[in-house]
Amino acid sequence: MLTKILFTLVVIIGVAIFYRNKSSQAVQTTKKTAPVEADDSLPTRTLAYILIGVLVAISAGIFAYNWHQDNRIINIKVTSEGGEVVNYQARHGAIKGRKFTSLDGINVTLGEGDRVEMLSQ
């Protein structure tokens, strides 16, 4: 969701910069006799590169955070209806509802009557 908002903001800012430059070039071509003023602000190309750098850094941070969250190891304690207790360890990203794949490679599907406790390390 955050990346969609950031992408929309980048497009809006990019269009605004493009039209601002286009309109300023049109004014400069009509006023060829006017003296040229010194522009103390950063060039728009530099601002665009800074904005792209910030967006890439934010995207990399979000990717790293999601990767870290998906690779957390969760201790799973499954108690069957008969009282049998089985302990598993699985990565957080491998848990999909009532199914998960343990670190040992075992695919586990939980039944309706199974009681599950999940504890992160």
N, C-alpha and C. Protein backbone atom coordinates (compact mmCIF):
# COMPACT_ATOMS: atom_id res chain seq x y z
N MET A 1 0.83 -1.19 0.00
CA MET A 1 0.00 0.00 0.00
C MET A 1 0.88 1.26 0.00
N LEU A 2 1.91 1.21 0.82
CA LEU A 2 2.80 2.36 0.92
C LEU A 2 3.51 2.62 -0.41
N THR A 3 3.91 1.54 -1.08
CA THR A 3 4.61 1.72 -2.35
C THR A 3 3.69 2.30 -3.41
N LYS A 4 2.41 1.96 -3.37
CA LYS A 4 1.46 2.54 -4.33
C LYS A 4 1.34 4.04 -4.12
N ILE A 5 1.28 4.45 -2.87
CA ILE A 5 1.18 5.88 -2.56
C ILE A 5 2.45 6.60 -2.98
N LEU A 6 3.61 6.01 -2.67
CA LEU A 6 4.88 6.63 -3.05
C LEU A 6 5.02 6.73 -4.57
N PHE A 7 4.61 5.68 -5.28
CA PHE A 7 4.70 5.70 -6.74
C PHE A 7 3.79 6.80 -7.31
N THR A 8 2.60 6.95 -6.76
CA THR A 8 1.69 8.00 -7.21
C THR A 8 2.28 9.37 -6.97
N LEU A 9 2.89 9.58 -5.81
CA LEU A 9 3.52 10.86 -5.51
C LEU A 9 4.68 11.14 -6.46
N VAL A 10 5.46 10.13 -6.79
CA VAL A 10 6.58 10.31 -7.72
C VAL A 10 6.07 10.74 -9.09
N VAL A 11 5.00 10.10 -9.56
CA VAL A 11 4.44 10.46 -10.86
C VAL A 11 3.93 11.89 -10.85
N ILE A 12 3.23 12.28 -9.80
CA ILE A 12 2.70 13.64 -9.70
C ILE A 12 3.82 14.66 -9.68
N ILE A 13 4.85 14.40 -8.88
CA ILE A 13 5.98 15.33 -8.79
C ILE A 13 6.72 15.39 -10.13
N GLY A 14 6.89 14.23 -10.76
CA GLY A 14 7.57 14.21 -12.06
C GLY A 14 6.83 15.00 -13.11
N VAL A 15 5.52 14.88 -13.17
CA VAL A 15 4.71 15.64 -14.13
C VAL A 15 4.79 17.13 -13.81
N ALA A 16 4.75 17.48 -12.54
CA ALA A 16 4.83 18.89 -12.16
C ALA A 16 6.18 19.49 -12.57
N ILE A 17 7.25 18.76 -12.34
CA ILE A 17 8.59 19.24 -12.73
C ILE A 17 8.69 19.36 -14.24
N PHE A 18 8.15 18.39 -14.96
CA PHE A 18 8.20 18.41 -16.42
C PHE A 18 7.48 19.64 -16.97
N TYR A 19 6.27 19.89 -16.49
CA TYR A 19 5.51 21.04 -17.00
C TYR A 19 6.10 22.36 -16.55
N ARG A 20 6.72 22.39 -15.37
CA ARG A 20 7.36 23.62 -14.92
C ARG A 20 8.55 23.96 -15.82
N ASN A 21 9.34 22.97 -16.15
CA ASN A 21 10.47 23.19 -17.05
C ASN A 21 10.00 23.57 -18.45
N LYS A 22 8.95 22.93 -18.91
CA LYS A 22 8.44 23.20 -20.25
C LYS A 22 7.91 24.63 -20.33
N SER A 23 7.21 25.08 -19.29
CA SER A 23 6.67 26.45 -19.31
C SER A 23 7.78 27.48 -19.15
N SER A 24 8.82 27.16 -18.36
CA SER A 24 9.91 28.12 -18.19
C SER A 24 10.74 28.22 -19.48
N GLN A 25 10.88 27.14 -20.22
CA GLN A 25 11.58 27.19 -21.50
C GLN A 25 10.80 28.01 -22.52
N ALA A 26 9.47 27.91 -22.48
CA ALA A 26 8.66 28.68 -23.39
C ALA A 26 8.78 30.18 -23.09
N VAL A 27 8.85 30.54 -21.82
CA VAL A 27 9.00 31.94 -21.44
C VAL A 27 10.37 32.45 -21.85
N GLN A 28 11.42 31.63 -21.72
CA GLN A 28 12.76 32.06 -22.08
C GLN A 28 12.90 32.26 -23.58
N THR A 29 12.23 31.48 -24.39
CA THR A 29 12.33 31.64 -25.84
C THR A 29 11.60 32.90 -26.31
N THR A 30 10.54 33.30 -25.61
CA THR A 30 9.83 34.51 -26.01
C THR A 30 10.55 35.76 -25.54
N LYS A 31 11.36 35.67 -24.48
CA LYS A 31 12.08 36.83 -23.95
C LYS A 31 13.57 36.68 -24.19
N LYS A 32 13.99 36.64 -25.42
CA LYS A 32 15.41 36.48 -25.71
C LYS A 32 16.22 37.72 -25.34
N THR A 33 15.60 38.85 -25.29
CA THR A 33 16.32 40.08 -24.97
C THR A 33 16.41 40.33 -23.48
N ALA A 34 15.66 39.60 -22.69
CA ALA A 34 15.67 39.81 -21.25
C ALA A 34 16.98 39.29 -20.66
N PRO A 35 17.52 39.98 -19.64
CA PRO A 35 18.76 39.51 -19.03
C PRO A 35 18.54 38.17 -18.31
N VAL A 36 19.56 37.36 -18.32
CA VAL A 36 19.48 36.06 -17.68
C VAL A 36 19.79 36.22 -16.19
N GLU A 37 18.89 35.70 -15.36
CA GLU A 37 19.09 35.78 -13.91
C GLU A 37 19.82 34.53 -13.43
N ALA A 38 20.62 34.67 -12.40
CA ALA A 38 21.33 33.53 -11.83
C ALA A 38 20.35 32.69 -11.03
N ASP A 39 20.35 31.39 -11.27
CA ASP A 39 19.45 30.48 -10.56
C ASP A 39 20.24 29.80 -9.45
N ASP A 40 19.89 30.13 -8.20
CA ASP A 40 20.62 29.59 -7.06
C ASP A 40 20.08 28.24 -6.59
N SER A 41 18.92 27.83 -7.11
CA SER A 41 18.33 26.57 -6.65
C SER A 41 18.99 25.38 -7.35
N LEU A 42 18.76 24.20 -6.79
CA LEU A 42 19.30 22.98 -7.38
C LEU A 42 18.63 22.73 -8.73
N PRO A 43 19.37 22.23 -9.68
CA PRO A 43 18.75 21.89 -10.96
C PRO A 43 17.72 20.77 -10.78
N THR A 44 16.73 20.76 -11.63
CA THR A 44 15.67 19.76 -11.49
C THR A 44 16.19 18.35 -11.70
N ARG A 45 17.22 18.18 -12.50
CA ARG A 45 17.78 16.85 -12.70
C ARG A 45 18.37 16.32 -11.39
N THR A 46 19.03 17.19 -10.64
CA THR A 46 19.59 16.79 -9.35
C THR A 46 18.48 16.42 -8.37
N LEU A 47 17.42 17.21 -8.36
CA LEU A 47 16.29 16.90 -7.49
C LEU A 47 15.65 15.57 -7.88
N ALA A 48 15.55 15.31 -9.17
CA ALA A 48 14.98 14.05 -9.63
C ALA A 48 15.84 12.87 -9.17
N TYR A 49 17.17 13.00 -9.28
CA TYR A 49 18.06 11.93 -8.84
C TYR A 49 17.97 11.72 -7.33
N ILE A 50 17.86 12.79 -6.58
CA ILE A 50 17.71 12.67 -5.13
C ILE A 50 16.41 11.95 -4.79
N LEU A 51 15.33 12.33 -5.47
CA LEU A 51 14.03 11.71 -5.23
C LEU A 51 14.07 10.23 -5.58
N ILE A 52 14.69 9.88 -6.69
CA ILE A 52 14.80 8.48 -7.07
C ILE A 52 15.63 7.71 -6.05
N GLY A 53 16.71 8.32 -5.58
CA GLY A 53 17.54 7.68 -4.56
C GLY A 53 16.77 7.42 -3.28
N VAL A 54 15.98 8.40 -2.86
CA VAL A 54 15.18 8.24 -1.64
C VAL A 54 14.16 7.12 -1.83
N LEU A 55 13.51 7.08 -2.98
CA LEU A 55 12.52 6.03 -3.22
C LEU A 55 13.14 4.64 -3.28
N VAL A 56 14.32 4.53 -3.89
CA VAL A 56 15.00 3.24 -3.94
C VAL A 56 15.39 2.82 -2.52
N ALA A 57 15.86 3.76 -1.71
CA ALA A 57 16.24 3.43 -0.33
C ALA A 57 15.02 2.98 0.48
N ILE A 58 13.90 3.66 0.31
CA ILE A 58 12.68 3.28 1.02
C ILE A 58 12.21 1.90 0.57
N SER A 59 12.24 1.66 -0.73
CA SER A 59 11.82 0.35 -1.25
C SER A 59 12.73 -0.75 -0.74
N ALA A 60 14.03 -0.51 -0.71
CA ALA A 60 14.97 -1.51 -0.19
C ALA A 60 14.71 -1.77 1.30
N GLY A 61 14.39 -0.72 2.04
CA GLY A 61 14.08 -0.88 3.46
C GLY A 61 12.83 -1.71 3.68
N ILE A 62 11.80 -1.45 2.89
CA ILE A 62 10.55 -2.22 3.01
C ILE A 62 10.80 -3.68 2.64
N PHE A 63 11.57 -3.91 1.57
CA PHE A 63 11.89 -5.28 1.16
C PHE A 63 12.65 -6.00 2.27
N ALA A 64 13.65 -5.36 2.85
CA ALA A 64 14.44 -5.98 3.91
C ALA A 64 13.58 -6.28 5.13
N TYR A 65 12.69 -5.38 5.49
CA TYR A 65 11.81 -5.59 6.64
C TYR A 65 10.90 -6.79 6.40
N ASN A 66 10.27 -6.86 5.21
CA ASN A 66 9.38 -7.99 4.89
C ASN A 66 10.15 -9.31 4.86
N TRP A 67 11.35 -9.29 4.31
CA TRP A 67 12.17 -10.50 4.27
C TRP A 67 12.50 -10.96 5.68
N HIS A 68 12.86 -10.02 6.54
CA HIS A 68 13.19 -10.35 7.93
C HIS A 68 11.97 -10.93 8.65
N GLN A 69 10.81 -10.35 8.45
CA GLN A 69 9.60 -10.84 9.11
C GLN A 69 9.22 -12.25 8.62
N ASP A 70 9.36 -12.50 7.31
CA ASP A 70 9.00 -13.81 6.77
C ASP A 70 9.97 -14.90 7.18
N ASN A 71 11.19 -14.56 7.54
CA ASN A 71 12.19 -15.56 7.90
C ASN A 71 12.35 -15.75 9.40
N ARG A 72 11.49 -15.14 10.19
CA ARG A 72 11.52 -15.38 11.63
C ARG A 72 11.12 -16.83 11.90
N ILE A 73 11.75 -17.45 12.87
CA ILE A 73 11.44 -18.83 13.21
C ILE A 73 10.39 -18.84 14.32
N ILE A 74 9.32 -19.60 14.07
CA ILE A 74 8.21 -19.70 15.00
C ILE A 74 8.18 -21.12 15.58
N ASN A 75 8.07 -21.23 16.89
CA ASN A 75 7.87 -22.53 17.55
C ASN A 75 6.37 -22.82 17.55
N ILE A 76 6.00 -23.97 17.01
CA ILE A 76 4.59 -24.34 16.91
C ILE A 76 4.36 -25.59 17.74
N LYS A 77 3.41 -25.49 18.65
CA LYS A 77 3.05 -26.62 19.51
C LYS A 77 1.64 -27.06 19.11
N VAL A 78 1.53 -28.27 18.56
CA VAL A 78 0.25 -28.79 18.09
C VAL A 78 -0.21 -29.87 19.08
N THR A 79 -1.42 -29.68 19.60
CA THR A 79 -2.02 -30.66 20.50
C THR A 79 -3.23 -31.26 19.79
N SER A 80 -3.21 -32.57 19.57
CA SER A 80 -4.32 -33.24 18.88
C SER A 80 -5.47 -33.44 19.86
N GLU A 81 -6.60 -33.94 19.33
CA GLU A 81 -7.77 -34.18 20.17
C GLU A 81 -7.49 -35.23 21.23
N GLY A 82 -6.60 -36.18 20.93
CA GLY A 82 -6.27 -37.24 21.88
C GLY A 82 -5.28 -36.80 22.94
N GLY A 83 -4.77 -35.58 22.87
CA GLY A 83 -3.83 -35.07 23.86
C GLY A 83 -2.38 -35.22 23.47
N GLU A 84 -2.12 -35.76 22.28
CA GLU A 84 -0.74 -35.92 21.81
C GLU A 84 -0.17 -34.55 21.43
N VAL A 85 1.01 -34.25 21.94
CA VAL A 85 1.64 -32.95 21.69
C VAL A 85 2.84 -33.16 20.76
N VAL A 86 2.87 -32.35 19.68
CA VAL A 86 3.99 -32.40 18.75
C VAL A 86 4.51 -30.97 18.59
N ASN A 87 5.84 -30.82 18.68
CA ASN A 87 6.45 -29.50 18.51
C ASN A 87 7.11 -29.40 17.15
N TYR A 88 6.91 -28.27 16.49
CA TYR A 88 7.52 -27.99 15.19
C TYR A 88 8.18 -26.62 15.24
N GLN A 89 9.07 -26.40 14.30
CA GLN A 89 9.61 -25.06 14.06
C GLN A 89 9.40 -24.76 12.58
N ALA A 90 8.94 -23.55 12.30
CA ALA A 90 8.69 -23.16 10.92
C ALA A 90 9.00 -21.68 10.76
N ARG A 91 9.29 -21.30 9.54
CA ARG A 91 9.48 -19.88 9.24
C ARG A 91 8.11 -19.22 9.15
N HIS A 92 8.04 -17.97 9.55
CA HIS A 92 6.77 -17.25 9.56
C HIS A 92 6.14 -17.19 8.17
N GLY A 93 6.96 -17.04 7.15
CA GLY A 93 6.44 -16.96 5.79
C GLY A 93 5.92 -18.28 5.27
N ALA A 94 6.27 -19.41 5.92
CA ALA A 94 5.83 -20.73 5.49
C ALA A 94 4.49 -21.12 6.10
N ILE A 95 3.94 -20.29 6.96
CA ILE A 95 2.67 -20.59 7.61
C ILE A 95 1.55 -19.96 6.80
N LYS A 96 0.66 -20.80 6.30
CA LYS A 96 -0.48 -20.34 5.49
C LYS A 96 -1.75 -20.91 6.09
N GLY A 97 -2.37 -20.16 6.97
CA GLY A 97 -3.61 -20.62 7.59
C GLY A 97 -3.37 -21.84 8.46
N ARG A 98 -4.01 -22.96 8.11
CA ARG A 98 -3.86 -24.19 8.87
C ARG A 98 -2.84 -25.13 8.25
N LYS A 99 -2.01 -24.61 7.36
CA LYS A 99 -0.95 -25.40 6.74
C LYS A 99 0.38 -24.69 6.94
N PHE A 100 1.44 -25.47 7.09
CA PHE A 100 2.78 -24.89 7.16
C PHE A 100 3.80 -25.96 6.81
N THR A 101 4.99 -25.51 6.48
CA THR A 101 6.12 -26.40 6.21
C THR A 101 7.16 -26.16 7.30
N SER A 102 7.53 -27.23 7.99
CA SER A 102 8.48 -27.09 9.09
C SER A 102 9.90 -26.90 8.55
N LEU A 103 10.82 -26.57 9.44
CA LEU A 103 12.22 -26.42 9.05
C LEU A 103 12.82 -27.74 8.58
N ASP A 104 12.24 -28.86 9.02
CA ASP A 104 12.71 -30.18 8.60
C ASP A 104 12.16 -30.56 7.22
N GLY A 105 11.29 -29.74 6.65
CA GLY A 105 10.72 -30.03 5.34
C GLY A 105 9.41 -30.79 5.40
N ILE A 106 8.83 -30.94 6.56
CA ILE A 106 7.57 -31.68 6.72
C ILE A 106 6.41 -30.73 6.43
N ASN A 107 5.53 -31.13 5.52
CA ASN A 107 4.32 -30.35 5.24
C ASN A 107 3.24 -30.80 6.22
N VAL A 108 2.74 -29.86 7.01
CA VAL A 108 1.78 -30.16 8.06
C VAL A 108 0.46 -29.46 7.73
N THR A 109 -0.61 -30.26 7.76
CA THR A 109 -1.96 -29.71 7.62
C THR A 109 -2.69 -30.00 8.91
N LEU A 110 -3.21 -28.98 9.55
CA LEU A 110 -3.85 -29.13 10.85
C LEU A 110 -5.34 -29.45 10.68
N GLY A 111 -5.83 -30.32 11.54
CA GLY A 111 -7.24 -30.68 11.51
C GLY A 111 -8.08 -29.69 12.29
N GLU A 112 -9.39 -29.92 12.22
CA GLU A 112 -10.35 -29.03 12.91
C GLU A 112 -10.17 -29.08 14.43
N GLY A 113 -9.88 -30.27 14.96
CA GLY A 113 -9.81 -30.43 16.41
C GLY A 113 -8.43 -30.17 17.00
N ASP A 114 -7.46 -29.86 16.19
CA ASP A 114 -6.10 -29.62 16.69
C ASP A 114 -6.01 -28.24 17.33
N ARG A 115 -5.31 -28.22 18.48
CA ARG A 115 -5.06 -26.94 19.15
C ARG A 115 -3.63 -26.52 18.85
N VAL A 116 -3.45 -25.26 18.49
CA VAL A 116 -2.14 -24.78 18.05
C VAL A 116 -1.70 -23.62 18.92
N GLU A 117 -0.43 -23.65 19.31
CA GLU A 117 0.18 -22.52 20.01
C GLU A 117 1.42 -22.12 19.21
N MET A 118 1.54 -20.85 18.91
CA MET A 118 2.69 -20.35 18.14
C MET A 118 3.42 -19.32 18.98
N LEU A 119 4.74 -19.54 19.12
CA LEU A 119 5.58 -18.63 19.87
C LEU A 119 6.78 -18.26 19.01
N SER A 120 7.04 -16.99 18.86
CA SER A 120 8.22 -16.58 18.09
C SER A 120 9.44 -16.60 19.02
N GLN A 121 10.61 -16.79 18.40
CA GLN A 121 11.83 -16.85 19.20
C GLN A 121 12.37 -15.47 19.44
